[in-house]
Structure formats: C-alpha cells, structure tokens
C-alpha cells in the first residue's frame, strides 16, 4: 500500500472508507474499463468513469444505466461544497432517457468517507441534504420511478383539513 501523502490522501480515503461503504450498500466496486460490458449488467460503482468533463470518482450503475455520480474528497475536507464537482461530471454524461435539467445522471453524492451529501437534480426545487449512508441499488431504482410532479399534484389536491397532514390540536381543559 502506498504511503500517505497529500497527493494520495483522497485515494486512501476512497480505499479505506468509501469503497467499503459502497460495497456494504450493495455496489460492486470495479475499475473503469473502456469496455462498456464491465458495467452493462448488475449493480456496480465504476471508479474513474470518463465523462466529457473529466473522470468521476465513482459512477453508480444499474443494468447499464448510470444513476449516480459520487465525488470523493480526502477526510480533512468537508463534502457539502463539492457537489458542484459531481454536477459537472453529471453534465458530461450522455443518457437521453435520464437527462433532466442538463444533467445526464439524476443522483449526485459527495463524501469524505465520514459525511455524505446527496442531491436529486431532476427538479430545481430539490435541495441537497446530508444522508447517513449510500442508497442501495434498489433504493435508487425506486427513487428513479418517483414522479415529482405527480406527487406535488396529489399533495395540492389534499384538503387543508386533512388530519394526517395538519392534526387538529386538542382543546385544553382545566
């Protein structure tokens, strides 16, 4: 194993922390290969996937579709502010069936191995948020099926007096 130094501490964070977290969530970590068959089937996290905007640290692939991009940083850096780097790589991936808002990948992550930030970029109203573990392949597939506009319409059609959304306060008796 290489000695730790400023030039490879991100690599150490990936190998010592992030690879294991991805594996625990059900992702098989594989090196990038120009041979697309390497990630055409199954669920894998492809390392250093080439995009038109540079290599993404990991691309989360399910049956040949890239559903997520993970930007890794060394442990000493906070990951919240580097989602913009994941956005750049997501814009450099061409998947017409998954493209929305200029992104070719719907789900973005940034992490330093301790803290993980997540952003669903399919809707402009979605905001990034901290999560406590990577989504499983099944969870990302399920999330991909969710339709934001349909859910918003259902919520708007719900009466204001719905007790499941706005419970009535009990009157206080003395």
N, C-alpha and C. Protein backbone atom coordinates (compact mmCIF):
# COMPACT_ATOMS: atom_id res chain seq x y z
N UNK A 1 0.85 -1.18 0.00
CA UNK A 1 0.00 0.00 0.00
C UNK A 1 0.89 1.24 0.00
N UNK A 2 0.56 2.26 -0.82
CA UNK A 2 1.38 3.45 -0.86
C UNK A 2 1.34 4.22 0.45
N UNK A 3 2.41 4.93 0.75
CA UNK A 3 2.46 5.76 1.96
C UNK A 3 1.50 6.94 1.79
N UNK A 4 0.94 7.36 2.92
CA UNK A 4 0.02 8.50 2.88
C UNK A 4 0.80 9.78 2.62
N UNK A 5 0.30 10.58 1.74
CA UNK A 5 0.88 11.89 1.45
C UNK A 5 -0.23 12.78 0.94
N UNK A 6 -0.02 14.09 0.89
CA UNK A 6 -1.08 14.97 0.40
C UNK A 6 -1.57 14.59 -0.99
N UNK A 7 -0.71 14.03 -1.82
CA UNK A 7 -1.11 13.73 -3.19
C UNK A 7 -2.00 12.48 -3.29
N UNK A 8 -1.96 11.62 -2.29
CA UNK A 8 -2.79 10.42 -2.43
C UNK A 8 -3.75 10.23 -1.26
N UNK A 9 -3.96 11.24 -0.42
CA UNK A 9 -4.85 11.06 0.72
C UNK A 9 -6.31 10.87 0.29
N UNK A 10 -6.71 11.47 -0.84
CA UNK A 10 -8.05 11.20 -1.34
C UNK A 10 -8.15 9.73 -1.76
N UNK A 11 -7.12 9.23 -2.39
CA UNK A 11 -7.09 7.82 -2.78
C UNK A 11 -7.21 6.93 -1.56
N UNK A 12 -6.48 7.27 -0.48
CA UNK A 12 -6.57 6.48 0.75
C UNK A 12 -7.98 6.53 1.34
N UNK A 13 -8.58 7.69 1.34
CA UNK A 13 -9.95 7.81 1.84
C UNK A 13 -10.88 6.92 1.03
N UNK A 14 -10.72 6.92 -0.26
CA UNK A 14 -11.57 6.07 -1.12
C UNK A 14 -11.37 4.60 -0.79
N UNK A 15 -10.12 4.18 -0.72
CA UNK A 15 -9.82 2.76 -0.50
C UNK A 15 -10.16 2.31 0.92
N UNK A 16 -9.88 3.16 1.92
CA UNK A 16 -10.07 2.77 3.31
C UNK A 16 -11.48 3.00 3.83
N UNK A 17 -12.24 3.87 3.20
CA UNK A 17 -13.56 4.20 3.72
C UNK A 17 -14.69 4.04 2.70
N UNK A 18 -14.56 4.72 1.58
CA UNK A 18 -15.69 4.83 0.65
C UNK A 18 -15.97 3.51 -0.06
N UNK A 19 -14.93 2.81 -0.52
CA UNK A 19 -15.16 1.52 -1.20
C UNK A 19 -15.98 0.58 -0.32
N UNK A 20 -15.64 0.50 0.95
CA UNK A 20 -16.36 -0.38 1.88
C UNK A 20 -17.80 0.04 2.09
N UNK A 21 -18.03 1.35 2.15
CA UNK A 21 -19.40 1.85 2.33
C UNK A 21 -20.25 1.53 1.10
N UNK A 22 -19.66 1.70 -0.07
CA UNK A 22 -20.40 1.37 -1.29
C UNK A 22 -20.70 -0.13 -1.35
N UNK A 23 -19.71 -0.93 -1.02
CA UNK A 23 -19.91 -2.39 -1.02
C UNK A 23 -21.00 -2.79 -0.03
N UNK A 24 -20.99 -2.20 1.16
CA UNK A 24 -21.99 -2.52 2.17
C UNK A 24 -23.40 -2.16 1.71
N UNK A 25 -23.52 -1.17 0.83
CA UNK A 25 -24.83 -0.77 0.30
C UNK A 25 -25.24 -1.60 -0.91
N UNK A 26 -24.40 -2.53 -1.33
CA UNK A 26 -24.77 -3.41 -2.44
C UNK A 26 -24.13 -3.09 -3.77
N UNK A 27 -23.15 -2.19 -3.80
CA UNK A 27 -22.47 -1.82 -5.03
C UNK A 27 -21.16 -2.60 -5.14
N UNK A 28 -20.91 -3.19 -6.29
CA UNK A 28 -19.64 -3.88 -6.56
C UNK A 28 -18.71 -2.82 -7.16
N UNK A 29 -17.61 -2.52 -6.44
CA UNK A 29 -16.66 -1.50 -6.90
C UNK A 29 -15.75 -2.13 -7.96
N UNK A 30 -15.75 -1.52 -9.16
CA UNK A 30 -14.95 -2.03 -10.27
C UNK A 30 -14.17 -0.89 -10.91
N UNK A 31 -12.98 -1.16 -11.41
CA UNK A 31 -12.22 -0.11 -12.10
C UNK A 31 -12.85 0.21 -13.45
N UNK A 32 -12.65 1.44 -13.90
CA UNK A 32 -13.15 1.84 -15.21
C UNK A 32 -12.48 1.01 -16.30
N UNK A 33 -13.25 0.68 -17.30
CA UNK A 33 -12.75 -0.01 -18.47
C UNK A 33 -13.45 0.59 -19.68
N UNK A 34 -12.72 0.78 -20.75
CA UNK A 34 -13.34 1.31 -21.97
C UNK A 34 -14.38 0.32 -22.50
N UNK A 35 -14.30 -0.90 -22.04
CA UNK A 35 -15.25 -1.94 -22.43
C UNK A 35 -16.53 -1.74 -21.61
N UNK A 36 -17.57 -1.24 -22.22
CA UNK A 36 -18.82 -0.93 -21.52
C UNK A 36 -19.46 -2.16 -20.89
N UNK A 37 -19.09 -3.35 -21.33
CA UNK A 37 -19.68 -4.55 -20.75
C UNK A 37 -19.31 -4.71 -19.29
N UNK A 38 -18.26 -4.02 -18.85
CA UNK A 38 -17.84 -4.12 -17.45
C UNK A 38 -18.95 -3.69 -16.50
N UNK A 39 -19.82 -2.79 -16.93
CA UNK A 39 -20.92 -2.38 -16.06
C UNK A 39 -22.28 -2.46 -16.74
N UNK A 40 -22.38 -3.27 -17.77
CA UNK A 40 -23.64 -3.39 -18.51
C UNK A 40 -24.69 -4.15 -17.72
N UNK A 41 -24.28 -5.04 -16.83
CA UNK A 41 -25.23 -5.82 -16.06
C UNK A 41 -24.90 -5.70 -14.58
N UNK A 42 -25.92 -5.83 -13.77
CA UNK A 42 -25.70 -5.79 -12.34
C UNK A 42 -25.62 -4.38 -11.79
N UNK A 43 -25.13 -4.31 -10.57
CA UNK A 43 -25.06 -3.04 -9.84
C UNK A 43 -23.62 -2.81 -9.43
N UNK A 44 -23.01 -1.81 -10.02
CA UNK A 44 -21.60 -1.57 -9.70
C UNK A 44 -21.29 -0.09 -9.59
N UNK A 45 -20.23 0.18 -8.84
CA UNK A 45 -19.69 1.53 -8.70
C UNK A 45 -18.41 1.55 -9.51
N UNK A 46 -18.45 2.19 -10.66
CA UNK A 46 -17.31 2.22 -11.57
C UNK A 46 -16.39 3.36 -11.15
N UNK A 47 -15.14 3.01 -10.87
CA UNK A 47 -14.15 4.01 -10.47
C UNK A 47 -13.63 4.77 -11.68
N UNK A 48 -13.46 6.08 -11.50
CA UNK A 48 -12.83 6.94 -12.52
C UNK A 48 -13.51 6.85 -13.89
N UNK A 49 -14.83 6.88 -13.88
CA UNK A 49 -15.58 6.83 -15.14
C UNK A 49 -15.29 8.08 -15.96
N UNK A 50 -14.88 7.90 -17.18
CA UNK A 50 -14.59 9.03 -18.07
C UNK A 50 -15.88 9.72 -18.50
N UNK A 51 -15.91 11.04 -18.32
CA UNK A 51 -17.02 11.85 -18.82
C UNK A 51 -16.40 12.92 -19.72
N UNK A 52 -17.22 13.66 -20.43
CA UNK A 52 -16.67 14.73 -21.27
C UNK A 52 -16.11 15.87 -20.43
N UNK A 53 -16.41 15.88 -19.13
CA UNK A 53 -15.91 16.92 -18.23
C UNK A 53 -14.88 16.40 -17.24
N UNK A 54 -14.28 15.27 -17.53
CA UNK A 54 -13.27 14.69 -16.64
C UNK A 54 -13.78 13.41 -16.00
N UNK A 55 -12.91 12.73 -15.27
CA UNK A 55 -13.31 11.45 -14.66
C UNK A 55 -14.07 11.64 -13.35
N UNK A 56 -15.20 10.97 -13.24
CA UNK A 56 -15.97 10.95 -12.00
C UNK A 56 -15.34 9.91 -11.08
N UNK A 57 -15.24 10.22 -9.80
CA UNK A 57 -14.62 9.28 -8.86
C UNK A 57 -15.33 7.93 -8.88
N UNK A 58 -16.65 7.95 -8.84
CA UNK A 58 -17.45 6.72 -8.95
C UNK A 58 -18.70 7.04 -9.76
N UNK A 59 -19.13 6.08 -10.56
CA UNK A 59 -20.42 6.16 -11.23
C UNK A 59 -21.23 4.96 -10.78
N UNK A 60 -22.40 5.20 -10.22
CA UNK A 60 -23.25 4.12 -9.73
C UNK A 60 -24.14 3.64 -10.86
N UNK A 61 -23.89 2.42 -11.30
CA UNK A 61 -24.54 1.87 -12.50
C UNK A 61 -25.45 0.70 -12.12
N UNK A 62 -26.64 0.72 -12.71
CA UNK A 62 -27.60 -0.36 -12.53
C UNK A 62 -28.03 -0.81 -13.92
N UNK A 63 -27.67 -2.04 -14.26
CA UNK A 63 -28.02 -2.62 -15.56
C UNK A 63 -27.69 -1.70 -16.73
N UNK A 64 -26.51 -1.14 -16.71
CA UNK A 64 -26.03 -0.33 -17.82
C UNK A 64 -26.39 1.14 -17.78
N UNK A 65 -27.24 1.54 -16.86
CA UNK A 65 -27.59 2.95 -16.72
C UNK A 65 -26.81 3.55 -15.55
N UNK A 66 -26.30 4.74 -15.74
CA UNK A 66 -25.60 5.44 -14.67
C UNK A 66 -26.64 6.26 -13.91
N UNK A 67 -26.92 5.84 -12.67
CA UNK A 67 -27.94 6.52 -11.87
C UNK A 67 -27.34 7.55 -10.93
N UNK A 68 -26.06 7.41 -10.58
CA UNK A 68 -25.46 8.33 -9.63
C UNK A 68 -24.00 8.59 -9.92
N UNK A 69 -23.54 9.76 -9.48
CA UNK A 69 -22.12 10.13 -9.54
C UNK A 69 -21.71 10.47 -8.12
N UNK A 70 -20.56 9.92 -7.71
CA UNK A 70 -20.03 10.17 -6.38
C UNK A 70 -18.71 10.92 -6.51
N UNK A 71 -18.63 12.08 -5.87
CA UNK A 71 -17.38 12.83 -5.80
C UNK A 71 -16.78 12.59 -4.42
N UNK A 72 -15.56 12.09 -4.40
CA UNK A 72 -14.86 11.79 -3.14
C UNK A 72 -13.82 12.85 -2.85
N UNK A 73 -13.67 13.16 -1.58
CA UNK A 73 -12.65 14.09 -1.12
C UNK A 73 -11.91 13.48 0.05
N UNK A 74 -10.72 13.97 0.30
CA UNK A 74 -9.97 13.44 1.44
C UNK A 74 -10.72 13.76 2.73
N UNK A 75 -10.44 12.98 3.74
CA UNK A 75 -11.15 13.05 5.01
C UNK A 75 -11.15 14.44 5.62
N UNK A 76 -10.10 15.20 5.42
CA UNK A 76 -9.99 16.51 6.06
C UNK A 76 -10.81 17.60 5.37
N UNK A 77 -11.44 17.29 4.24
CA UNK A 77 -12.28 18.28 3.54
C UNK A 77 -13.75 17.98 3.77
N UNK A 78 -14.54 19.01 3.91
CA UNK A 78 -15.99 18.85 4.02
C UNK A 78 -16.59 18.63 2.65
N UNK A 79 -17.49 17.67 2.50
CA UNK A 79 -18.02 17.34 1.17
C UNK A 79 -19.19 18.18 0.69
N UNK A 80 -19.81 18.98 1.55
CA UNK A 80 -21.03 19.69 1.15
C UNK A 80 -20.78 20.61 -0.04
N UNK A 81 -19.66 21.29 -0.05
CA UNK A 81 -19.41 22.28 -1.09
C UNK A 81 -18.82 21.72 -2.37
N UNK A 82 -18.64 20.41 -2.47
CA UNK A 82 -18.07 19.85 -3.69
C UNK A 82 -19.12 19.11 -4.53
N UNK A 83 -20.39 19.25 -4.17
CA UNK A 83 -21.43 18.69 -5.04
C UNK A 83 -21.37 19.32 -6.42
N UNK A 84 -20.88 20.54 -6.51
CA UNK A 84 -20.76 21.20 -7.82
C UNK A 84 -19.82 20.43 -8.74
N UNK A 85 -18.83 19.77 -8.17
CA UNK A 85 -17.94 18.95 -8.99
C UNK A 85 -18.69 17.73 -9.53
N UNK A 86 -19.51 17.10 -8.69
CA UNK A 86 -20.33 15.98 -9.15
C UNK A 86 -21.31 16.45 -10.22
N UNK A 87 -21.84 17.68 -10.07
CA UNK A 87 -22.74 18.24 -11.08
C UNK A 87 -22.02 18.36 -12.42
N UNK A 88 -20.78 18.82 -12.40
CA UNK A 88 -20.02 18.98 -13.64
C UNK A 88 -19.87 17.63 -14.35
N UNK A 89 -19.55 16.59 -13.61
CA UNK A 89 -19.40 15.27 -14.22
C UNK A 89 -20.74 14.75 -14.73
N UNK A 90 -21.82 15.00 -13.98
CA UNK A 90 -23.15 14.55 -14.40
C UNK A 90 -23.59 15.25 -15.69
N UNK A 91 -23.15 16.48 -15.89
CA UNK A 91 -23.46 17.19 -17.14
C UNK A 91 -22.64 16.62 -18.30
N UNK A 92 -21.55 15.94 -18.00
CA UNK A 92 -20.69 15.37 -19.04
C UNK A 92 -21.01 13.94 -19.39
N UNK A 93 -22.14 13.44 -18.93
CA UNK A 93 -22.58 12.06 -19.23
C UNK A 93 -23.83 12.16 -20.09
N UNK A 94 -23.83 11.46 -21.20
CA UNK A 94 -24.95 11.49 -22.14
C UNK A 94 -25.82 10.24 -21.97
N UNK A 95 -27.00 10.45 -21.44
CA UNK A 95 -28.01 9.40 -21.30
C UNK A 95 -29.36 10.05 -21.56
N UNK A 96 -29.78 10.15 -22.81
CA UNK A 96 -31.01 10.88 -23.13
C UNK A 96 -32.22 10.46 -22.31
N UNK A 97 -32.34 9.17 -22.00
CA UNK A 97 -33.51 8.70 -21.26
C UNK A 97 -33.51 9.15 -19.80
N UNK A 98 -32.36 9.59 -19.28
CA UNK A 98 -32.28 10.04 -17.89
C UNK A 98 -31.98 11.52 -17.75
N UNK A 99 -31.82 12.22 -18.87
CA UNK A 99 -31.42 13.63 -18.82
C UNK A 99 -32.57 14.51 -18.35
N UNK A 100 -32.27 15.38 -17.40
CA UNK A 100 -33.20 16.43 -16.99
C UNK A 100 -32.40 17.58 -16.42
N UNK A 101 -32.84 18.78 -16.71
CA UNK A 101 -32.18 20.00 -16.25
C UNK A 101 -30.71 20.05 -16.66
N UNK A 102 -30.37 19.43 -17.77
CA UNK A 102 -29.00 19.46 -18.27
C UNK A 102 -28.09 18.41 -17.67
N UNK A 103 -28.60 17.61 -16.75
CA UNK A 103 -27.81 16.55 -16.11
C UNK A 103 -28.13 15.22 -16.77
N UNK A 104 -27.10 14.45 -17.10
CA UNK A 104 -27.30 13.13 -17.67
C UNK A 104 -27.42 12.04 -16.62
N UNK A 105 -27.31 12.41 -15.37
CA UNK A 105 -27.40 11.49 -14.23
C UNK A 105 -28.29 12.15 -13.19
N UNK A 106 -29.28 11.42 -12.63
CA UNK A 106 -30.22 12.06 -11.72
C UNK A 106 -29.74 12.26 -10.28
N UNK A 107 -28.82 11.42 -9.79
CA UNK A 107 -28.48 11.45 -8.37
C UNK A 107 -27.00 11.73 -8.15
N UNK A 108 -26.71 12.69 -7.30
CA UNK A 108 -25.33 13.11 -7.05
C UNK A 108 -24.99 12.96 -5.58
N UNK A 109 -23.75 12.57 -5.33
CA UNK A 109 -23.24 12.42 -3.97
C UNK A 109 -21.88 13.09 -3.88
N UNK A 110 -21.55 13.56 -2.68
CA UNK A 110 -20.18 13.96 -2.37
C UNK A 110 -19.91 13.46 -0.96
N UNK A 111 -18.69 12.99 -0.74
CA UNK A 111 -18.35 12.41 0.56
C UNK A 111 -16.87 12.51 0.84
N UNK A 112 -16.55 12.54 2.12
CA UNK A 112 -15.16 12.45 2.55
C UNK A 112 -14.95 11.15 3.34
N UNK A 113 -15.88 10.24 3.23
CA UNK A 113 -15.79 8.97 3.93
C UNK A 113 -16.47 8.98 5.29
N UNK A 114 -16.75 10.16 5.81
CA UNK A 114 -17.47 10.30 7.08
C UNK A 114 -18.84 10.92 6.87
N UNK A 115 -18.89 11.94 6.06
CA UNK A 115 -20.13 12.68 5.80
C UNK A 115 -20.48 12.48 4.33
N UNK A 116 -21.77 12.24 4.06
CA UNK A 116 -22.24 12.05 2.68
C UNK A 116 -23.34 13.06 2.41
N UNK A 117 -23.21 13.79 1.30
CA UNK A 117 -24.25 14.70 0.83
C UNK A 117 -24.87 14.12 -0.42
N UNK A 118 -26.18 14.31 -0.57
CA UNK A 118 -26.95 13.74 -1.67
C UNK A 118 -27.80 14.83 -2.30
N UNK A 119 -27.95 14.76 -3.64
CA UNK A 119 -28.81 15.71 -4.35
C UNK A 119 -29.48 15.00 -5.52
N UNK A 120 -30.79 15.03 -5.54
CA UNK A 120 -31.59 14.56 -6.67
C UNK A 120 -31.78 15.78 -7.56
N UNK A 121 -31.14 15.81 -8.72
CA UNK A 121 -31.12 17.01 -9.56
C UNK A 121 -32.23 17.05 -10.61
N UNK A 122 -33.19 16.14 -10.53
CA UNK A 122 -34.24 16.10 -11.55
C UNK A 122 -35.20 17.28 -11.46
N UNK A 123 -35.33 17.88 -10.30
CA UNK A 123 -36.21 19.03 -10.13
C UNK A 123 -35.43 20.17 -9.50
N UNK A 124 -35.63 21.36 -10.00
CA UNK A 124 -34.91 22.53 -9.48
C UNK A 124 -35.22 22.80 -8.02
N UNK A 125 -36.40 22.41 -7.55
CA UNK A 125 -36.78 22.67 -6.17
C UNK A 125 -36.10 21.72 -5.18
N UNK A 126 -35.56 20.62 -5.66
CA UNK A 126 -34.88 19.68 -4.77
C UNK A 126 -33.61 20.31 -4.23
N UNK A 127 -33.35 20.09 -2.97
CA UNK A 127 -32.15 20.62 -2.32
C UNK A 127 -31.26 19.48 -1.87
N UNK A 128 -29.98 19.75 -1.80
CA UNK A 128 -29.06 18.73 -1.31
C UNK A 128 -29.29 18.54 0.19
N UNK A 129 -28.93 17.35 0.66
CA UNK A 129 -29.10 17.06 2.08
C UNK A 129 -28.08 16.02 2.52
N UNK A 130 -27.80 16.03 3.78
CA UNK A 130 -26.88 15.04 4.32
C UNK A 130 -27.62 13.74 4.54
N UNK A 131 -26.99 12.63 4.19
CA UNK A 131 -27.56 11.31 4.43
C UNK A 131 -26.53 10.50 5.22
N UNK A 132 -26.95 9.39 5.75
CA UNK A 132 -26.07 8.62 6.64
C UNK A 132 -25.50 7.37 6.01
N UNK A 133 -25.79 7.14 4.77
CA UNK A 133 -25.22 6.01 4.04
C UNK A 133 -25.64 6.09 2.59
N UNK A 134 -24.88 5.43 1.74
CA UNK A 134 -25.23 5.41 0.32
C UNK A 134 -26.52 4.62 0.12
N UNK A 135 -27.32 5.05 -0.84
CA UNK A 135 -28.53 4.30 -1.19
C UNK A 135 -28.13 2.97 -1.81
N UNK A 136 -28.95 1.97 -1.61
CA UNK A 136 -28.74 0.69 -2.26
C UNK A 136 -29.16 0.82 -3.72
N UNK A 137 -28.74 -0.10 -4.58
CA UNK A 137 -29.21 -0.06 -5.97
C UNK A 137 -30.74 -0.09 -6.06
N UNK A 138 -31.37 -0.90 -5.22
CA UNK A 138 -32.83 -0.99 -5.24
C UNK A 138 -33.47 0.34 -4.85
N UNK A 139 -32.91 1.01 -3.85
CA UNK A 139 -33.45 2.31 -3.42
C UNK A 139 -33.32 3.35 -4.52
N UNK A 140 -32.20 3.35 -5.25
CA UNK A 140 -32.05 4.31 -6.34
C UNK A 140 -33.03 4.02 -7.47
N UNK A 141 -33.23 2.73 -7.78
CA UNK A 141 -34.22 2.38 -8.82
C UNK A 141 -35.61 2.85 -8.41
N UNK A 142 -35.95 2.65 -7.14
CA UNK A 142 -37.26 3.08 -6.64
C UNK A 142 -37.38 4.60 -6.71
N UNK A 143 -36.34 5.29 -6.30
CA UNK A 143 -36.37 6.75 -6.33
C UNK A 143 -36.50 7.27 -7.76
N UNK A 144 -35.88 6.58 -8.69
CA UNK A 144 -35.96 6.97 -10.09
C UNK A 144 -37.39 6.89 -10.60
N UNK A 145 -38.18 5.96 -10.08
CA UNK A 145 -39.56 5.79 -10.51
C UNK A 145 -40.50 6.84 -9.95
N UNK A 146 -40.09 7.52 -8.89
CA UNK A 146 -40.95 8.53 -8.29
C UNK A 146 -41.10 9.72 -9.22
N UNK A 147 -42.30 10.18 -9.36
CA UNK A 147 -42.61 11.32 -10.23
C UNK A 147 -42.93 12.53 -9.36
N UNK A 148 -42.07 13.51 -9.38
CA UNK A 148 -42.21 14.70 -8.54
C UNK A 148 -43.50 15.44 -8.85
N UNK A 149 -43.80 15.64 -10.12
CA UNK A 149 -44.99 16.40 -10.49
C UNK A 149 -46.26 15.69 -10.04
N UNK A 150 -46.29 14.35 -10.15
CA UNK A 150 -47.45 13.59 -9.71
C UNK A 150 -47.63 13.73 -8.20
N UNK A 151 -46.54 13.62 -7.47
CA UNK A 151 -46.60 13.73 -6.00
C UNK A 151 -47.04 15.13 -5.58
N UNK A 152 -46.55 16.15 -6.25
CA UNK A 152 -46.93 17.53 -5.94
C UNK A 152 -48.42 17.73 -6.20
N UNK A 153 -48.91 17.20 -7.32
CA UNK A 153 -50.33 17.31 -7.64
C UNK A 153 -51.20 16.63 -6.60
N UNK A 154 -50.78 15.47 -6.13
CA UNK A 154 -51.54 14.77 -5.09
C UNK A 154 -51.58 15.57 -3.80
N UNK A 155 -50.45 16.16 -3.45
CA UNK A 155 -50.40 16.96 -2.24
C UNK A 155 -51.29 18.20 -2.35
N UNK A 156 -51.24 18.85 -3.50
CA UNK A 156 -52.07 20.05 -3.69
C UNK A 156 -53.56 19.71 -3.69
N UNK A 157 -53.91 18.50 -4.11
CA UNK A 157 -55.31 18.09 -4.14
C UNK A 157 -55.82 17.65 -2.76
N UNK A 158 -54.93 17.51 -1.81
CA UNK A 158 -55.32 17.08 -0.47
C UNK A 158 -55.95 18.26 0.27
N UNK A 159 -57.14 18.04 0.86
CA UNK A 159 -57.80 19.13 1.58
C UNK A 159 -56.93 19.65 2.73
N UNK A 160 -57.07 20.95 3.00
CA UNK A 160 -56.29 21.58 4.08
C UNK A 160 -56.62 21.03 5.45
N UNK A 161 -57.81 20.46 5.60
CA UNK A 161 -58.20 19.98 6.92
C UNK A 161 -57.88 18.49 7.11
N UNK A 162 -57.01 17.96 6.30
CA UNK A 162 -56.64 16.56 6.43
C UNK A 162 -55.86 16.36 7.73
N UNK A 163 -56.40 15.56 8.67
CA UNK A 163 -55.73 15.39 9.97
C UNK A 163 -54.37 14.67 9.86
N UNK A 164 -54.15 13.96 8.77
CA UNK A 164 -52.86 13.29 8.64
C UNK A 164 -51.75 14.28 8.30
N UNK A 165 -52.10 15.42 7.70
CA UNK A 165 -51.12 16.44 7.38
C UNK A 165 -51.07 17.54 8.44
N UNK A 166 -52.24 17.92 8.92
CA UNK A 166 -52.32 19.00 9.90
C UNK A 166 -53.24 18.55 11.04
N UNK A 167 -52.66 17.86 12.00
CA UNK A 167 -53.53 17.37 13.08
C UNK A 167 -54.15 18.54 13.85
N UNK A 168 -55.38 18.35 14.19
CA UNK A 168 -56.09 19.37 14.96
C UNK A 168 -55.57 19.32 16.38
N UNK A 169 -55.36 20.48 16.96
CA UNK A 169 -54.88 20.49 18.35
C UNK A 169 -56.05 20.20 19.26
N UNK A 170 -55.75 19.44 20.27
CA UNK A 170 -56.79 19.10 21.25
C UNK A 170 -57.06 20.32 22.12
N UNK A 171 -58.31 20.51 22.47
CA UNK A 171 -58.62 21.64 23.34
C UNK A 171 -58.12 21.33 24.73
N UNK A 172 -57.64 22.36 25.38
CA UNK A 172 -57.10 22.18 26.72
C UNK A 172 -58.21 22.44 27.72
N UNK A 173 -58.46 21.47 28.55
CA UNK A 173 -59.49 21.62 29.59
C UNK A 173 -58.80 21.79 30.93
N UNK A 174 -59.42 22.59 31.77
CA UNK A 174 -58.85 22.75 33.10
C UNK A 174 -59.64 21.99 34.08
